[in-house]
Amino acid sequence: MFDPKLTDKGIEQCKTLASQLEANFPYKKEDCRIVVSPLSRTLQTAQHSLGWLLESGVPVDVRAEWQV
């Protein structure tokens, strides 16, 4: 299966998203869970756009059934 990585433009878009989400996040972090597929692009998207949640201890489930 082809497993592309994010482009530099994609990483920049994720960083923009991260700043917008962090500033306007309406949920309690302790009520959150991040669920992603194991594909590189998805993992990188979570890392770059949700890193601030990951650093605060929000659990992550990497689930192959989300891989399409």
PDB file of N, CA and C in Angstrom:
ATOM      1  N   MET A   1       0.844  -1.174   0.000  1.00  0.00           N
ATOM      2  CA  MET A   1       0.000   0.000   0.000  1.00  0.00           C
ATOM      3  C   MET A   1       0.893   1.242   0.000  1.00  0.00           C
ATOM      4  N   PHE A   2       0.575   2.160  -0.874  1.00  0.00           N
ATOM      5  CA  PHE A   2       1.312   3.416  -0.946  1.00  0.00           C
ATOM      6  C   PHE A   2       1.065   4.202   0.336  1.00  0.00           C
ATOM      7  N   ASP A   3       2.127   4.700   0.957  1.00  0.00           N
ATOM      8  CA  ASP A   3       2.024   5.380   2.250  1.00  0.00           C
ATOM      9  C   ASP A   3       2.789   6.702   2.193  1.00  0.00           C
ATOM     10  N   PRO A   4       2.204   7.719   1.533  1.00  0.00           N
ATOM     11  CA  PRO A   4       2.928   8.987   1.372  1.00  0.00           C
ATOM     12  C   PRO A   4       3.038   9.767   2.678  1.00  0.00           C
ATOM     13  N   LYS A   5       4.038  10.585   2.741  1.00  0.00           N
ATOM     14  CA  LYS A   5       4.222  11.497   3.877  1.00  0.00           C
ATOM     15  C   LYS A   5       3.627  12.854   3.505  1.00  0.00           C
ATOM     16  N   LEU A   6       3.397  13.679   4.517  1.00  0.00           N
ATOM     17  CA  LEU A   6       2.905  15.028   4.255  1.00  0.00           C
ATOM     18  C   LEU A   6       3.967  15.837   3.517  1.00  0.00           C
ATOM     19  N   THR A   7       3.519  16.703   2.661  1.00  0.00           N
ATOM     20  CA  THR A   7       4.425  17.635   2.001  1.00  0.00           C
ATOM     21  C   THR A   7       4.727  18.779   2.971  1.00  0.00           C
ATOM     22  N   ASP A   8       5.692  19.617   2.618  1.00  0.00           N
ATOM     23  CA  ASP A   8       5.986  20.791   3.440  1.00  0.00           C
ATOM     24  C   ASP A   8       4.755  21.691   3.544  1.00  0.00           C
ATOM     25  N   LYS A   9       4.017  21.811   2.444  1.00  0.00           N
ATOM     26  CA  LYS A   9       2.789  22.618   2.468  1.00  0.00           C
ATOM     27  C   LYS A   9       1.771  22.011   3.422  1.00  0.00           C
ATOM     28  N   GLY A  10       1.646  20.685   3.413  1.00  0.00           N
ATOM     29  CA  GLY A  10       0.727  20.007   4.322  1.00  0.00           C
ATOM     30  C   GLY A  10       1.091  20.230   5.781  1.00  0.00           C
ATOM     31  N   ILE A  11       2.377  20.206   6.074  1.00  0.00           N
ATOM     32  CA  ILE A  11       2.843  20.453   7.451  1.00  0.00           C
ATOM     33  C   ILE A  11       2.490  21.875   7.870  1.00  0.00           C
ATOM     34  N   GLU A  12       2.704  22.826   6.986  1.00  0.00           N
ATOM     35  CA  GLU A  12       2.348  24.216   7.302  1.00  0.00           C
ATOM     36  C   GLU A  12       0.842  24.357   7.522  1.00  0.00           C
ATOM     37  N   GLN A  13       0.041  23.670   6.728  1.00  0.00           N
ATOM     38  CA  GLN A  13      -1.407  23.719   6.910  1.00  0.00           C
ATOM     39  C   GLN A  13      -1.792  23.127   8.264  1.00  0.00           C
ATOM     40  N   CYS A  14      -1.141  22.068   8.667  1.00  0.00           N
ATOM     41  CA  CYS A  14      -1.409  21.464   9.974  1.00  0.00           C
ATOM     42  C   CYS A  14      -1.050  22.420  11.109  1.00  0.00           C
ATOM     43  N   LYS A  15       0.045  23.132  10.964  1.00  0.00           N
ATOM     44  CA  LYS A  15       0.448  24.086  12.003  1.00  0.00           C
ATOM     45  C   LYS A  15      -0.556  25.226  12.120  1.00  0.00           C
ATOM     46  N   THR A  16      -1.086  25.672  10.982  1.00  0.00           N
ATOM     47  CA  THR A  16      -2.136  26.705  11.001  1.00  0.00           C
ATOM     48  C   THR A  16      -3.376  26.163  11.698  1.00  0.00           C
ATOM     49  N   LEU A  17      -3.754  24.942  11.343  1.00  0.00           N
ATOM     50  CA  LEU A  17      -4.903  24.305  11.976  1.00  0.00           C
ATOM     51  C   LEU A  17      -4.694  24.180  13.478  1.00  0.00           C
ATOM     52  N   ALA A  18      -3.489  23.790  13.882  1.00  0.00           N
ATOM     53  CA  ALA A  18      -3.187  23.621  15.307  1.00  0.00           C
ATOM     54  C   ALA A  18      -3.414  24.912  16.074  1.00  0.00           C
ATOM     55  N   SER A  19      -2.938  26.018  15.544  1.00  0.00           N
ATOM     56  CA  SER A  19      -3.101  27.285  16.264  1.00  0.00           C
ATOM     57  C   SER A  19      -4.573  27.683  16.341  1.00  0.00           C
ATOM     58  N   GLN A  20      -5.333  27.413  15.299  1.00  0.00           N
ATOM     59  CA  GLN A  20      -6.762  27.732  15.317  1.00  0.00           C
ATOM     60  C   GLN A  20      -7.516  26.830  16.286  1.00  0.00           C
ATOM     61  N   LEU A  21      -7.210  25.534  16.259  1.00  0.00           N
ATOM     62  CA  LEU A  21      -7.883  24.603  17.161  1.00  0.00           C
ATOM     63  C   LEU A  21      -7.560  24.891  18.619  1.00  0.00           C
ATOM     64  N   GLU A  22      -6.294  25.098  18.899  1.00  0.00           N
ATOM     65  CA  GLU A  22      -5.890  25.327  20.289  1.00  0.00           C
ATOM     66  C   GLU A  22      -6.549  26.586  20.855  1.00  0.00           C
ATOM     67  N   ALA A  23      -6.674  27.610  20.040  1.00  0.00           N
ATOM     68  CA  ALA A  23      -7.272  28.868  20.496  1.00  0.00           C
ATOM     69  C   ALA A  23      -8.781  28.760  20.702  1.00  0.00           C
ATOM     70  N   ASN A  24      -9.423  27.823  20.008  1.00  0.00           N
ATOM     71  CA  ASN A  24     -10.889  27.742  20.043  1.00  0.00           C
ATOM     72  C   ASN A  24     -11.416  26.375  20.449  1.00  0.00           C
ATOM     73  N   PHE A  25     -10.607  25.569  21.098  1.00  0.00           N
ATOM     74  CA  PHE A  25     -11.001  24.199  21.425  1.00  0.00           C
ATOM     75  C   PHE A  25     -12.071  24.207  22.516  1.00  0.00           C
ATOM     76  N   PRO A  26     -13.285  23.706  22.203  1.00  0.00           N
ATOM     77  CA  PRO A  26     -14.395  23.823  23.154  1.00  0.00           C
ATOM     78  C   PRO A  26     -14.543  22.643  24.123  1.00  0.00           C
ATOM     79  N   TYR A  27     -13.650  21.665  24.065  1.00  0.00           N
ATOM     80  CA  TYR A  27     -13.821  20.446  24.861  1.00  0.00           C
ATOM     81  C   TYR A  27     -12.800  20.351  25.978  1.00  0.00           C
ATOM     82  N   LYS A  28     -13.143  19.609  27.012  1.00  0.00           N
ATOM     83  CA  LYS A  28     -12.200  19.319  28.079  1.00  0.00           C
ATOM     84  C   LYS A  28     -11.213  18.280  27.561  1.00  0.00           C
ATOM     85  N   LYS A  29      -9.953  18.527  27.730  1.00  0.00           N
ATOM     86  CA  LYS A  29      -8.938  17.600  27.223  1.00  0.00           C
ATOM     87  C   LYS A  29      -9.082  16.214  27.831  1.00  0.00           C
ATOM     88  N   GLU A  30      -9.507  16.154  29.090  1.00  0.00           N
ATOM     89  CA  GLU A  30      -9.650  14.848  29.744  1.00  0.00           C
ATOM     90  C   GLU A  30     -10.804  14.027  29.160  1.00  0.00           C
ATOM     91  N   ASP A  31     -11.672  14.644  28.378  1.00  0.00           N
ATOM     92  CA  ASP A  31     -12.773  13.930  27.720  1.00  0.00           C
ATOM     93  C   ASP A  31     -12.446  13.542  26.280  1.00  0.00           C
ATOM     94  N   CYS A  32     -11.212  13.773  25.854  1.00  0.00           N
ATOM     95  CA  CYS A  32     -10.840  13.573  24.445  1.00  0.00           C
ATOM     96  C   CYS A  32     -10.017  12.311  24.240  1.00  0.00           C
ATOM     97  N   ARG A  33     -10.065  11.827  23.019  1.00  0.00           N
ATOM     98  CA  ARG A  33      -9.250  10.714  22.551  1.00  0.00           C
ATOM     99  C   ARG A  33      -9.012  10.954  21.064  1.00  0.00           C
ATOM    100  N   ILE A  34      -7.807  10.718  20.607  1.00  0.00           N
ATOM    101  CA  ILE A  34      -7.459  10.875  19.199  1.00  0.00           C
ATOM    102  C   ILE A  34      -7.397   9.485  18.583  1.00  0.00           C
ATOM    103  N   VAL A  35      -8.132   9.277  17.485  1.00  0.00           N
ATOM    104  CA  VAL A  35      -8.140   7.990  16.791  1.00  0.00           C
ATOM    105  C   VAL A  35      -7.676   8.227  15.359  1.00  0.00           C
ATOM    106  N   VAL A  36      -6.617   7.532  14.969  1.00  0.00           N
ATOM    107  CA  VAL A  36      -6.046   7.710  13.634  1.00  0.00           C
ATOM    108  C   VAL A  36      -5.701   6.354  13.025  1.00  0.00           C
ATOM    109  N   SER A  37      -5.522   6.357  11.712  1.00  0.00           N
ATOM    110  CA  SER A  37      -5.026   5.165  11.033  1.00  0.00           C
ATOM    111  C   SER A  37      -3.503   5.128  11.177  1.00  0.00           C
ATOM    112  N   PRO A  38      -2.877   3.993  10.888  1.00  0.00           N
ATOM    113  CA  PRO A  38      -1.424   3.896  11.014  1.00  0.00           C
ATOM    114  C   PRO A  38      -0.654   4.428   9.802  1.00  0.00           C
ATOM    115  N   LEU A  39      -1.328   5.031   8.850  1.00  0.00           N
ATOM    116  CA  LEU A  39      -0.624   5.569   7.693  1.00  0.00           C
ATOM    117  C   LEU A  39       0.212   6.782   8.084  1.00  0.00           C
ATOM    118  N   SER A  40       1.359   6.929   7.457  1.00  0.00           N
ATOM    119  CA  SER A  40       2.290   8.010   7.794  1.00  0.00           C
ATOM    120  C   SER A  40       1.646   9.387   7.741  1.00  0.00           C
ATOM    121  N   ARG A  41       0.896   9.640   6.688  1.00  0.00           N
ATOM    122  CA  ARG A  41       0.282  10.957   6.499  1.00  0.00           C
ATOM    123  C   ARG A  41      -0.697  11.283   7.638  1.00  0.00           C
ATOM    124  N   THR A  42      -1.445  10.289   8.066  1.00  0.00           N
ATOM    125  CA  THR A  42      -2.403  10.493   9.152  1.00  0.00           C
ATOM    126  C   THR A  42      -1.691  10.717  10.483  1.00  0.00           C
ATOM    127  N   LEU A  43      -0.655   9.927  10.730  1.00  0.00           N
ATOM    128  CA  LEU A  43       0.116  10.102  11.966  1.00  0.00           C
ATOM    129  C   LEU A  43       0.790  11.464  12.005  1.00  0.00           C
ATOM    130  N   GLN A  44       1.336  11.892  10.860  1.00  0.00           N
ATOM    131  CA  GLN A  44       1.969  13.208  10.801  1.00  0.00           C
ATOM    132  C   GLN A  44       0.935  14.322  10.996  1.00  0.00           C
ATOM    133  N   THR A  45      -0.236  14.157  10.417  1.00  0.00           N
ATOM    134  CA  THR A  45      -1.292  15.167  10.589  1.00  0.00           C
ATOM    135  C   THR A  45      -1.653  15.298  12.061  1.00  0.00           C
ATOM    136  N   ALA A  46      -1.816  14.173  12.744  1.00  0.00           N
ATOM    137  CA  ALA A  46      -2.121  14.221  14.175  1.00  0.00           C
ATOM    138  C   ALA A  46      -0.992  14.882  14.950  1.00  0.00           C
ATOM    139  N   GLN A  47       0.231  14.533  14.627  1.00  0.00           N
ATOM    140  CA  GLN A  47       1.381  15.094  15.336  1.00  0.00           C
ATOM    141  C   GLN A  47       1.464  16.608  15.156  1.00  0.00           C
ATOM    142  N   HIS A  48       1.320  17.081  13.933  1.00  0.00           N
ATOM    143  CA  HIS A  48       1.512  18.506  13.658  1.00  0.00           C
ATOM    144  C   HIS A  48       0.289  19.356  13.984  1.00  0.00           C
ATOM    145  N   SER A  49      -0.912  18.788  13.906  1.00  0.00           N
ATOM    146  CA  SER A  49      -2.095  19.608  14.166  1.00  0.00           C
ATOM    147  C   SER A  49      -2.670  19.393  15.567  1.00  0.00           C
ATOM    148  N   LEU A  50      -2.335  18.270  16.189  1.00  0.00           N
ATOM    149  CA  LEU A  50      -2.878  17.980  17.523  1.00  0.00           C
ATOM    150  C   LEU A  50      -1.781  17.747  18.556  1.00  0.00           C
ATOM    151  N   GLY A  51      -0.564  18.136  18.225  1.00  0.00           N
ATOM    152  CA  GLY A  51       0.558  17.944  19.140  1.00  0.00           C
ATOM    153  C   GLY A  51       0.317  18.551  20.507  1.00  0.00           C
ATOM    154  N   TRP A  52      -0.351  19.680  20.549  1.00  0.00           N
ATOM    155  CA  TRP A  52      -0.643  20.338  21.824  1.00  0.00           C
ATOM    156  C   TRP A  52      -1.565  19.476  22.684  1.00  0.00           C
ATOM    157  N   LEU A  53      -2.442  18.674  22.060  1.00  0.00           N
ATOM    158  CA  LEU A  53      -3.276  17.734  22.822  1.00  0.00           C
ATOM    159  C   LEU A  53      -2.449  16.523  23.249  1.00  0.00           C
ATOM    160  N   LEU A  54      -1.603  16.043  22.351  1.00  0.00           N
ATOM    161  CA  LEU A  54      -0.744  14.905  22.672  1.00  0.00           C
ATOM    162  C   LEU A  54       0.152  15.232  23.860  1.00  0.00           C
ATOM    163  N   GLU A  55       0.712  16.423  23.871  1.00  0.00           N
ATOM    164  CA  GLU A  55       1.607  16.839  24.961  1.00  0.00           C
ATOM    165  C   GLU A  55       0.880  16.956  26.291  1.00  0.00           C
ATOM    166  N   SER A  56      -0.431  17.191  26.251  1.00  0.00           N
ATOM    167  CA  SER A  56      -1.185  17.300  27.501  1.00  0.00           C
ATOM    168  C   SER A  56      -1.722  15.947  27.963  1.00  0.00           C
ATOM    169  N   GLY A  57      -1.353  14.884  27.254  1.00  0.00           N
ATOM    170  CA  GLY A  57      -1.706  13.539  27.708  1.00  0.00           C
ATOM    171  C   GLY A  57      -2.964  12.943  27.107  1.00  0.00           C
ATOM    172  N   VAL A  58      -3.541  13.574  26.095  1.00  0.00           N
ATOM    173  CA  VAL A  58      -4.719  12.999  25.446  1.00  0.00           C
ATOM    174  C   VAL A  58      -4.294  11.674  24.806  1.00  0.00           C
ATOM    175  N   PRO A  59      -5.019  10.582  25.100  1.00  0.00           N
ATOM    176  CA  PRO A  59      -4.628   9.281  24.560  1.00  0.00           C
ATOM    177  C   PRO A  59      -4.858   9.188  23.050  1.00  0.00           C
ATOM    178  N   VAL A  60      -4.051   8.346  22.420  1.00  0.00           N
ATOM    179  CA  VAL A  60      -4.135   8.130  20.977  1.00  0.00           C
ATOM    180  C   VAL A  60      -4.353   6.648  20.709  1.00  0.00           C
ATOM    181  N   ASP A  61      -5.322   6.347  19.863  1.00  0.00           N
ATOM    182  CA  ASP A  61      -5.530   4.984  19.381  1.00  0.00           C
ATOM    183  C   ASP A  61      -5.167   4.961  17.909  1.00  0.00           C
ATOM    184  N   VAL A  62      -4.239   4.090  17.549  1.00  0.00           N
ATOM    185  CA  VAL A  62      -3.882   3.907  16.146  1.00  0.00           C
ATOM    186  C   VAL A  62      -4.601   2.641  15.701  1.00  0.00           C
ATOM    187  N   ARG A  63      -5.564   2.821  14.803  1.00  0.00           N
ATOM    188  CA  ARG A  63      -6.463   1.733  14.440  1.00  0.00           C
ATOM    189  C   ARG A  63      -6.405   1.448  12.942  1.00  0.00           C
ATOM    190  N   ALA A  64      -5.988   0.253  12.582  1.00  0.00           N
ATOM    191  CA  ALA A  64      -5.844  -0.123  11.176  1.00  0.00           C
ATOM    192  C   ALA A  64      -7.169  -0.111  10.424  1.00  0.00           C
ATOM    193  N   GLU A  65      -8.282  -0.323  11.110  1.00  0.00           N
ATOM    194  CA  GLU A  65      -9.573  -0.343  10.401  1.00  0.00           C
ATOM    195  C   GLU A  65      -9.973   1.029   9.870  1.00  0.00           C
ATOM    196  N   TRP A  66      -9.296   2.084  10.306  1.00  0.00           N
ATOM    197  CA  TRP A  66      -9.545   3.435   9.779  1.00  0.00           C
ATOM    198  C   TRP A  66      -8.708   3.688   8.534  1.00  0.00           C
ATOM    199  N   GLN A  67      -7.878   2.735   8.187  1.00  0.00           N
ATOM    200  CA  GLN A  67      -7.000   2.853   7.022  1.00  0.00           C
ATOM    201  C   GLN A  67      -7.785   2.456   5.772  1.00  0.00           C
ATOM    202  N   VAL A  68      -7.967   3.405   4.882  1.00  0.00           N
ATOM    203  CA  VAL A  68      -8.750   3.124   3.670  1.00  0.00           C
ATOM    204  C   VAL A  68      -7.906   3.392   2.446  1.00  0.00           C
TER     205      VAL A  68
END
